[in-house]
Amino acid sequence: MTREAELIRALAEDLALEILTSYTSAEDFEDADFSSLGRAAVYLEEQGDGPGPALQELIAKIQSAAGASADGTPPPPEPPPIVGEP
């Protein structure tokens, strides 16, 4: 791992841990913008090291709050409600 990647990983982990301790409910994650951490995770993945465990946990919580699965696929659509005859 390059020194740059080590620094980015350490900073991303510290920030992810701070967010995980201060955001307590799924609603906290729904409206938050974590695009910088997302870019850090992509960069670390490209470097072959990948994000650390705290950032991985944060990503999973963000995806869960957004309704996506861990692999990034959206959930299946809900079936239409059954309407009875009048």
PDB file of N, CA and C in Angstrom:
ATOM      1  N   MET A   1       0.859  -1.159   0.000  1.00  0.00           N
ATOM      2  CA  MET A   1       0.000   0.000   0.000  1.00  0.00           C
ATOM      3  C   MET A   1       0.913   1.232   0.000  1.00  0.00           C
ATOM      4  N   THR A   2       0.570   2.175  -0.831  1.00  0.00           N
ATOM      5  CA  THR A   2       1.359   3.402  -0.894  1.00  0.00           C
ATOM      6  C   THR A   2       1.094   4.250   0.350  1.00  0.00           C
ATOM      7  N   ARG A   3       1.978   5.185   0.624  1.00  0.00           N
ATOM      8  CA  ARG A   3       1.787   6.074   1.784  1.00  0.00           C
ATOM      9  C   ARG A   3       0.504   6.894   1.626  1.00  0.00           C
ATOM     10  N   GLU A   4       0.209   7.290   0.384  1.00  0.00           N
ATOM     11  CA  GLU A   4      -1.018   8.043   0.135  1.00  0.00           C
ATOM     12  C   GLU A   4      -2.241   7.192   0.465  1.00  0.00           C
ATOM     13  N   ALA A   5      -2.238   5.941   0.027  1.00  0.00           N
ATOM     14  CA  ALA A   5      -3.366   5.047   0.300  1.00  0.00           C
ATOM     15  C   ALA A   5      -3.483   4.772   1.795  1.00  0.00           C
ATOM     16  N   GLU A   6      -2.354   4.628   2.480  1.00  0.00           N
ATOM     17  CA  GLU A   6      -2.382   4.415   3.930  1.00  0.00           C
ATOM     18  C   GLU A   6      -3.026   5.602   4.636  1.00  0.00           C
ATOM     19  N   LEU A   7      -2.670   6.810   4.219  1.00  0.00           N
ATOM     20  CA  LEU A   7      -3.230   8.009   4.818  1.00  0.00           C
ATOM     21  C   LEU A   7      -4.723   8.122   4.544  1.00  0.00           C
ATOM     22  N   ILE A   8      -5.111   7.890   3.314  1.00  0.00           N
ATOM     23  CA  ILE A   8      -6.538   7.964   2.961  1.00  0.00           C
ATOM     24  C   ILE A   8      -7.326   6.921   3.734  1.00  0.00           C
ATOM     25  N   ARG A   9      -6.786   5.711   3.846  1.00  0.00           N
ATOM     26  CA  ARG A   9      -7.492   4.661   4.583  1.00  0.00           C
ATOM     27  C   ARG A   9      -7.628   5.038   6.057  1.00  0.00           C
ATOM     28  N   ALA A  10      -6.562   5.552   6.663  1.00  0.00           N
ATOM     29  CA  ALA A  10      -6.617   5.928   8.074  1.00  0.00           C
ATOM     30  C   ALA A  10      -7.623   7.053   8.311  1.00  0.00           C
ATOM     31  N   LEU A  11      -7.601   8.067   7.465  1.00  0.00           N
ATOM     32  CA  LEU A  11      -8.548   9.176   7.623  1.00  0.00           C
ATOM     33  C   LEU A  11      -9.985   8.722   7.396  1.00  0.00           C
ATOM     34  N   ALA A  12     -10.202   7.886   6.397  1.00  0.00           N
ATOM     35  CA  ALA A  12     -11.550   7.381   6.116  1.00  0.00           C
ATOM     36  C   ALA A  12     -12.058   6.538   7.277  1.00  0.00           C
ATOM     37  N   GLU A  13     -11.182   5.728   7.866  1.00  0.00           N
ATOM     38  CA  GLU A  13     -11.584   4.908   9.013  1.00  0.00           C
ATOM     39  C   GLU A  13     -11.951   5.792  10.205  1.00  0.00           C
ATOM     40  N   ASP A  14     -11.134   6.800  10.489  1.00  0.00           N
ATOM     41  CA  ASP A  14     -11.426   7.695  11.605  1.00  0.00           C
ATOM     42  C   ASP A  14     -12.764   8.403  11.410  1.00  0.00           C
ATOM     43  N   LEU A  15     -12.986   8.920  10.215  1.00  0.00           N
ATOM     44  CA  LEU A  15     -14.231   9.614   9.936  1.00  0.00           C
ATOM     45  C   LEU A  15     -15.423   8.657   9.999  1.00  0.00           C
ATOM     46  N   ALA A  16     -15.263   7.461   9.453  1.00  0.00           N
ATOM     47  CA  ALA A  16     -16.346   6.474   9.488  1.00  0.00           C
ATOM     48  C   ALA A  16     -16.700   6.111  10.925  1.00  0.00           C
ATOM     49  N   LEU A  17     -15.700   5.943  11.779  1.00  0.00           N
ATOM     50  CA  LEU A  17     -15.967   5.623  13.189  1.00  0.00           C
ATOM     51  C   LEU A  17     -16.719   6.762  13.881  1.00  0.00           C
ATOM     52  N   GLU A  18     -16.338   7.999  13.590  1.00  0.00           N
ATOM     53  CA  GLU A  18     -17.044   9.149  14.160  1.00  0.00           C
ATOM     54  C   GLU A  18     -18.500   9.170  13.708  1.00  0.00           C
ATOM     55  N   ILE A  19     -18.729   8.909  12.443  1.00  0.00           N
ATOM     56  CA  ILE A  19     -20.095   8.912  11.912  1.00  0.00           C
ATOM     57  C   ILE A  19     -20.904   7.782  12.523  1.00  0.00           C
ATOM     58  N   LEU A  20     -20.311   6.595  12.617  1.00  0.00           N
ATOM     59  CA  LEU A  20     -21.032   5.449  13.167  1.00  0.00           C
ATOM     60  C   LEU A  20     -21.434   5.676  14.622  1.00  0.00           C
ATOM     61  N   THR A  21     -20.629   6.417  15.380  1.00  0.00           N
ATOM     62  CA  THR A  21     -20.985   6.658  16.780  1.00  0.00           C
ATOM     63  C   THR A  21     -21.998   7.788  16.936  1.00  0.00           C
ATOM     64  N   SER A  22     -22.050   8.710  15.981  1.00  0.00           N
ATOM     65  CA  SER A  22     -22.976   9.836  16.126  1.00  0.00           C
ATOM     66  C   SER A  22     -24.300   9.635  15.396  1.00  0.00           C
ATOM     67  N   TYR A  23     -24.335   8.803  14.391  1.00  0.00           N
ATOM     68  CA  TYR A  23     -25.586   8.514  13.684  1.00  0.00           C
ATOM     69  C   TYR A  23     -26.176   7.265  14.312  1.00  0.00           C
ATOM     70  N   THR A  24     -27.360   7.398  14.897  1.00  0.00           N
ATOM     71  CA  THR A  24     -27.907   6.287  15.673  1.00  0.00           C
ATOM     72  C   THR A  24     -29.087   5.571  15.032  1.00  0.00           C
ATOM     73  N   SER A  25     -29.709   6.179  14.042  1.00  0.00           N
ATOM     74  CA  SER A  25     -30.866   5.526  13.431  1.00  0.00           C
ATOM     75  C   SER A  25     -30.724   5.500  11.913  1.00  0.00           C
ATOM     76  N   ALA A  26     -31.511   4.653  11.277  1.00  0.00           N
ATOM     77  CA  ALA A  26     -31.466   4.537   9.815  1.00  0.00           C
ATOM     78  C   ALA A  26     -31.811   5.859   9.146  1.00  0.00           C
ATOM     79  N   GLU A  27     -32.699   6.633   9.766  1.00  0.00           N
ATOM     80  CA  GLU A  27     -33.084   7.920   9.181  1.00  0.00           C
ATOM     81  C   GLU A  27     -31.895   8.880   9.103  1.00  0.00           C
ATOM     82  N   ASP A  28     -30.964   8.758  10.038  1.00  0.00           N
ATOM     83  CA  ASP A  28     -29.778   9.618  10.009  1.00  0.00           C
ATOM     84  C   ASP A  28     -28.981   9.421   8.723  1.00  0.00           C
ATOM     85  N   PHE A  29     -28.971   8.203   8.215  1.00  0.00           N
ATOM     86  CA  PHE A  29     -28.176   7.880   7.031  1.00  0.00           C
ATOM     87  C   PHE A  29     -28.888   8.220   5.724  1.00  0.00           C
ATOM     88  N   GLU A  30     -30.209   8.316   5.759  1.00  0.00           N
ATOM     89  CA  GLU A  30     -30.977   8.501   4.524  1.00  0.00           C
ATOM     90  C   GLU A  30     -30.653   9.799   3.801  1.00  0.00           C
ATOM     91  N   ASP A  31     -30.519  10.886   4.524  1.00  0.00           N
ATOM     92  CA  ASP A  31     -30.328  12.190   3.899  1.00  0.00           C
ATOM     93  C   ASP A  31     -28.879  12.663   3.906  1.00  0.00           C
ATOM     94  N   ALA A  32     -27.993  11.892   4.501  1.00  0.00           N
ATOM     95  CA  ALA A  32     -26.594  12.314   4.619  1.00  0.00           C
ATOM     96  C   ALA A  32     -25.864  12.145   3.288  1.00  0.00           C
ATOM     97  N   ASP A  33     -24.876  12.983   3.084  1.00  0.00           N
ATOM     98  CA  ASP A  33     -24.062  12.924   1.868  1.00  0.00           C
ATOM     99  C   ASP A  33     -22.662  12.445   2.246  1.00  0.00           C
ATOM    100  N   PHE A  34     -22.371  11.220   1.886  1.00  0.00           N
ATOM    101  CA  PHE A  34     -21.075  10.630   2.184  1.00  0.00           C
ATOM    102  C   PHE A  34     -20.278  10.405   0.904  1.00  0.00           C
ATOM    103  N   SER A  35     -20.453  11.289  -0.073  1.00  0.00           N
ATOM    104  CA  SER A  35     -19.803  11.079  -1.366  1.00  0.00           C
ATOM    105  C   SER A  35     -18.278  11.096  -1.258  1.00  0.00           C
ATOM    106  N   SER A  36     -17.717  11.900  -0.372  1.00  0.00           N
ATOM    107  CA  SER A  36     -16.257  11.918  -0.219  1.00  0.00           C
ATOM    108  C   SER A  36     -15.747  10.584   0.303  1.00  0.00           C
ATOM    109  N   LEU A  37     -16.454  10.025   1.264  1.00  0.00           N
ATOM    110  CA  LEU A  37     -16.050   8.709   1.767  1.00  0.00           C
ATOM    111  C   LEU A  37     -16.255   7.638   0.708  1.00  0.00           C
ATOM    112  N   GLY A  38     -17.269   7.795  -0.105  1.00  0.00           N
ATOM    113  CA  GLY A  38     -17.483   6.848  -1.201  1.00  0.00           C
ATOM    114  C   GLY A  38     -16.337   6.891  -2.191  1.00  0.00           C
ATOM    115  N   ARG A  39     -15.878   8.095  -2.510  1.00  0.00           N
ATOM    116  CA  ARG A  39     -14.733   8.222  -3.416  1.00  0.00           C
ATOM    117  C   ARG A  39     -13.477   7.625  -2.789  1.00  0.00           C
ATOM    118  N   ALA A  40     -13.314   7.796  -1.482  1.00  0.00           N
ATOM    119  CA  ALA A  40     -12.164   7.207  -0.795  1.00  0.00           C
ATOM    120  C   ALA A  40     -12.234   5.680  -0.872  1.00  0.00           C
ATOM    121  N   ALA A  41     -13.430   5.124  -0.696  1.00  0.00           N
ATOM    122  CA  ALA A  41     -13.587   3.670  -0.764  1.00  0.00           C
ATOM    123  C   ALA A  41     -13.259   3.149  -2.163  1.00  0.00           C
ATOM    124  N   VAL A  42     -13.711   3.873  -3.192  1.00  0.00           N
ATOM    125  CA  VAL A  42     -13.412   3.468  -4.572  1.00  0.00           C
ATOM    126  C   VAL A  42     -11.908   3.537  -4.816  1.00  0.00           C
ATOM    127  N   TYR A  43     -11.276   4.613  -4.368  1.00  0.00           N
ATOM    128  CA  TYR A  43      -9.823   4.760  -4.538  1.00  0.00           C
ATOM    129  C   TYR A  43      -9.084   3.614  -3.854  1.00  0.00           C
ATOM    130  N   LEU A  44      -9.472   3.304  -2.619  1.00  0.00           N
ATOM    131  CA  LEU A  44      -8.799   2.229  -1.884  1.00  0.00           C
ATOM    132  C   LEU A  44      -9.015   0.880  -2.559  1.00  0.00           C
ATOM    133  N   GLU A  45     -10.192   0.681  -3.116  1.00  0.00           N
ATOM    134  CA  GLU A  45     -10.464  -0.567  -3.849  1.00  0.00           C
ATOM    135  C   GLU A  45      -9.579  -0.644  -5.084  1.00  0.00           C
ATOM    136  N   GLU A  46      -9.416   0.472  -5.778  1.00  0.00           N
ATOM    137  CA  GLU A  46      -8.561   0.495  -6.968  1.00  0.00           C
ATOM    138  C   GLU A  46      -7.102   0.234  -6.618  1.00  0.00           C
ATOM    139  N   GLN A  47      -6.699   0.618  -5.406  1.00  0.00           N
ATOM    140  CA  GLN A  47      -5.320   0.387  -4.966  1.00  0.00           C
ATOM    141  C   GLN A  47      -5.112  -1.062  -4.541  1.00  0.00           C
ATOM    142  N   GLY A  48      -6.185  -1.821  -4.476  1.00  0.00           N
ATOM    143  CA  GLY A  48      -6.083  -3.236  -4.142  1.00  0.00           C
ATOM    144  C   GLY A  48      -6.209  -3.535  -2.661  1.00  0.00           C
ATOM    145  N   ASP A  49      -6.344  -2.509  -1.832  1.00  0.00           N
ATOM    146  CA  ASP A  49      -6.426  -2.733  -0.394  1.00  0.00           C
ATOM    147  C   ASP A  49      -7.862  -2.732   0.103  1.00  0.00           C
ATOM    148  N   GLY A  50      -8.679  -1.948  -0.517  1.00  0.00           N
ATOM    149  CA  GLY A  50     -10.077  -1.849  -0.128  1.00  0.00           C
ATOM    150  C   GLY A  50     -10.246  -1.048   1.145  1.00  0.00           C
ATOM    151  N   PRO A  51     -11.474  -0.641   1.429  1.00  0.00           N
ATOM    152  CA  PRO A  51     -11.750   0.139   2.629  1.00  0.00           C
ATOM    153  C   PRO A  51     -11.595  -0.713   3.883  1.00  0.00           C
ATOM    154  N   GLY A  52     -11.366  -0.042   4.997  1.00  0.00           N
ATOM    155  CA  GLY A  52     -11.241  -0.739   6.271  1.00  0.00           C
ATOM    156  C   GLY A  52     -12.600  -1.159   6.809  1.00  0.00           C
ATOM    157  N   PRO A  53     -12.610  -1.864   7.940  1.00  0.00           N
ATOM    158  CA  PRO A  53     -13.859  -2.407   8.479  1.00  0.00           C
ATOM    159  C   PRO A  53     -14.885  -1.348   8.888  1.00  0.00           C
ATOM    160  N   ALA A  54     -14.447  -0.229   9.440  1.00  0.00           N
ATOM    161  CA  ALA A  54     -15.401   0.811   9.842  1.00  0.00           C
ATOM    162  C   ALA A  54     -16.075   1.423   8.617  1.00  0.00           C
ATOM    163  N   LEU A  55     -15.303   1.674   7.574  1.00  0.00           N
ATOM    164  CA  LEU A  55     -15.876   2.239   6.351  1.00  0.00           C
ATOM    165  C   LEU A  55     -16.793   1.227   5.676  1.00  0.00           C
ATOM    166  N   GLN A  56     -16.448  -0.048   5.718  1.00  0.00           N
ATOM    167  CA  GLN A  56     -17.320  -1.083   5.151  1.00  0.00           C
ATOM    168  C   GLN A  56     -18.644  -1.129   5.912  1.00  0.00           C
ATOM    169  N   GLU A  57     -18.582  -1.008   7.232  1.00  0.00           N
ATOM    170  CA  GLU A  57     -19.816  -1.014   8.032  1.00  0.00           C
ATOM    171  C   GLU A  57     -20.669   0.209   7.717  1.00  0.00           C
ATOM    172  N   LEU A  58     -20.020   1.358   7.572  1.00  0.00           N
ATOM    173  CA  LEU A  58     -20.747   2.580   7.233  1.00  0.00           C
ATOM    174  C   LEU A  58     -21.409   2.453   5.869  1.00  0.00           C
ATOM    175  N   ILE A  59     -20.702   1.912   4.895  1.00  0.00           N
ATOM    176  CA  ILE A  59     -21.262   1.714   3.553  1.00  0.00           C
ATOM    177  C   ILE A  59     -22.487   0.809   3.626  1.00  0.00           C
ATOM    178  N   ALA A  60     -22.405  -0.268   4.399  1.00  0.00           N
ATOM    179  CA  ALA A  60     -23.535  -1.198   4.535  1.00  0.00           C
ATOM    180  C   ALA A  60     -24.747  -0.492   5.153  1.00  0.00           C
ATOM    181  N   LYS A  61     -24.517   0.360   6.157  1.00  0.00           N
ATOM    182  CA  LYS A  61     -25.636   1.068   6.787  1.00  0.00           C
ATOM    183  C   LYS A  61     -26.255   2.086   5.836  1.00  0.00           C
ATOM    184  N   ILE A  62     -25.427   2.760   5.058  1.00  0.00           N
ATOM    185  CA  ILE A  62     -25.945   3.717   4.085  1.00  0.00           C
ATOM    186  C   ILE A  62     -26.779   2.998   3.036  1.00  0.00           C
ATOM    187  N   GLN A  63     -26.268   1.870   2.540  1.00  0.00           N
ATOM    188  CA  GLN A  63     -27.006   1.100   1.532  1.00  0.00           C
ATOM    189  C   GLN A  63     -28.302   0.565   2.112  1.00  0.00           C
ATOM    190  N   SER A  64     -28.269   0.120   3.337  1.00  0.00           N
ATOM    191  CA  SER A  64     -29.477  -0.396   3.977  1.00  0.00           C
ATOM    192  C   SER A  64     -30.522   0.708   4.126  1.00  0.00           C
ATOM    193  N   ALA A  65     -30.076   1.884   4.536  1.00  0.00           N
ATOM    194  CA  ALA A  65     -31.009   3.009   4.681  1.00  0.00           C
ATOM    195  C   ALA A  65     -31.580   3.436   3.338  1.00  0.00           C
ATOM    196  N   ALA A  66     -30.789   3.256   2.278  1.00  0.00           N
ATOM    197  CA  ALA A  66     -31.249   3.630   0.938  1.00  0.00           C
ATOM    198  C   ALA A  66     -32.074   2.520   0.298  1.00  0.00           C
ATOM    199  N   GLY A  67     -32.164   1.375   0.966  1.00  0.00           N
ATOM    200  CA  GLY A  67     -32.943   0.267   0.431  1.00  0.00           C
ATOM    201  C   GLY A  67     -32.187  -0.610  -0.531  1.00  0.00           C
ATOM    202  N   ALA A  68     -30.871  -0.489  -0.604  1.00  0.00           N
ATOM    203  CA  ALA A  68     -30.069  -1.335  -1.494  1.00  0.00           C
ATOM    204  C   ALA A  68     -29.468  -2.473  -0.683  1.00  0.00           C
ATOM    205  N   SER A  69     -29.130  -3.543  -1.356  1.00  0.00           N
ATOM    206  CA  SER A  69     -28.487  -4.657  -0.685  1.00  0.00           C
ATOM    207  C   SER A  69     -26.991  -4.392  -0.589  1.00  0.00           C
ATOM    208  N   ALA A  70     -26.284  -5.266   0.099  1.00  0.00           N
ATOM    209  CA  ALA A  70     -24.845  -5.084   0.295  1.00  0.00           C
ATOM    210  C   ALA A  70     -24.074  -5.070  -1.018  1.00  0.00           C
ATOM    211  N   ASP A  71     -24.604  -5.729  -2.046  1.00  0.00           N
ATOM    212  CA  ASP A  71     -23.883  -5.729  -3.329  1.00  0.00           C
ATOM    213  C   ASP A  71     -24.312  -4.570  -4.224  1.00  0.00           C
ATOM    214  N   GLY A  72     -25.169  -3.689  -3.691  1.00  0.00           N
ATOM    215  CA  GLY A  72     -25.534  -2.494  -4.427  1.00  0.00           C
ATOM    216  C   GLY A  72     -26.768  -2.623  -5.299  1.00  0.00           C
ATOM    217  N   THR A  73     -27.369  -3.810  -5.363  1.00  0.00           N
ATOM    218  CA  THR A  73     -28.567  -3.960  -6.178  1.00  0.00           C
ATOM    219  C   THR A  73     -29.774  -3.450  -5.407  1.00  0.00           C
ATOM    220  N   PRO A  74     -30.678  -2.777  -6.079  1.00  0.00           N
ATOM    221  CA  PRO A  74     -31.862  -2.268  -5.374  1.00  0.00           C
ATOM    222  C   PRO A  74     -32.785  -3.416  -4.982  1.00  0.00           C
ATOM    223  N   PRO A  75     -33.611  -3.190  -3.981  1.00  0.00           N
ATOM    224  CA  PRO A  75     -34.541  -4.247  -3.583  1.00  0.00           C
ATOM    225  C   PRO A  75     -35.592  -4.453  -4.671  1.00  0.00           C
ATOM    226  N   PRO A  76     -36.206  -5.636  -4.697  1.00  0.00           N
ATOM    227  CA  PRO A  76     -37.244  -5.862  -5.704  1.00  0.00           C
ATOM    228  C   PRO A  76     -38.439  -4.950  -5.431  1.00  0.00           C
ATOM    229  N   PRO A  77     -39.166  -4.585  -6.478  1.00  0.00           N
ATOM    230  CA  PRO A  77     -40.325  -3.710  -6.265  1.00  0.00           C
ATOM    231  C   PRO A  77     -41.395  -4.429  -5.457  1.00  0.00           C
ATOM    232  N   GLU A  78     -42.121  -3.640  -4.680  1.00  0.00           N
ATOM    233  CA  GLU A  78     -43.204  -4.225  -3.897  1.00  0.00           C
ATOM    234  C   GLU A  78     -44.362  -4.548  -4.824  1.00  0.00           C
ATOM    235  N   PRO A  79     -45.041  -5.663  -4.576  1.00  0.00           N
ATOM    236  CA  PRO A  79     -46.185  -5.995  -5.432  1.00  0.00           C
ATOM    237  C   PRO A  79     -47.305  -4.997  -5.218  1.00  0.00           C
ATOM    238  N   PRO A  80     -48.122  -4.793  -6.234  1.00  0.00           N
ATOM    239  CA  PRO A  80     -49.251  -3.866  -6.070  1.00  0.00           C
ATOM    240  C   PRO A  80     -50.232  -4.407  -5.037  1.00  0.00           C
ATOM    241  N   PRO A  81     -50.935  -3.517  -4.363  1.00  0.00           N
ATOM    242  CA  PRO A  81     -51.888  -3.984  -3.359  1.00  0.00           C
ATOM    243  C   PRO A  81     -53.030  -4.752  -4.010  1.00  0.00           C
ATOM    244  N   ILE A  82     -53.540  -5.708  -3.285  1.00  0.00           N
ATOM    245  CA  ILE A  82     -54.680  -6.487  -3.786  1.00  0.00           C
ATOM    246  C   ILE A  82     -55.948  -5.716  -3.459  1.00  0.00           C
ATOM    247  N   VAL A  83     -56.692  -5.442  -4.485  1.00  0.00           N
ATOM    248  CA  VAL A  83     -57.928  -4.684  -4.317  1.00  0.00           C
ATOM    249  C   VAL A  83     -59.091  -5.645  -4.444  1.00  0.00           C
ATOM    250  N   GLY A  84     -59.903  -5.670  -3.422  1.00  0.00           N
ATOM    251  CA  GLY A  84     -61.055  -6.563  -3.445  1.00  0.00           C
ATOM    252  C   GLY A  84     -62.203  -5.986  -4.280  1.00  0.00           C
ATOM    253  N   GLU A  85     -63.132  -6.853  -4.657  1.00  0.00           N
ATOM    254  CA  GLU A  85     -64.285  -6.387  -5.425  1.00  0.00           C
ATOM    255  C   GLU A  85     -65.222  -5.604  -4.516  1.00  0.00           C
ATOM    256  N   PRO A  86     -65.857  -4.573  -5.046  1.00  0.00           N
ATOM    257  CA  PRO A  86     -66.785  -3.774  -4.206  1.00  0.00           C
ATOM    258  C   PRO A  86     -68.042  -4.511  -3.859  1.00  0.00           C
TER     259      PRO A  86
END
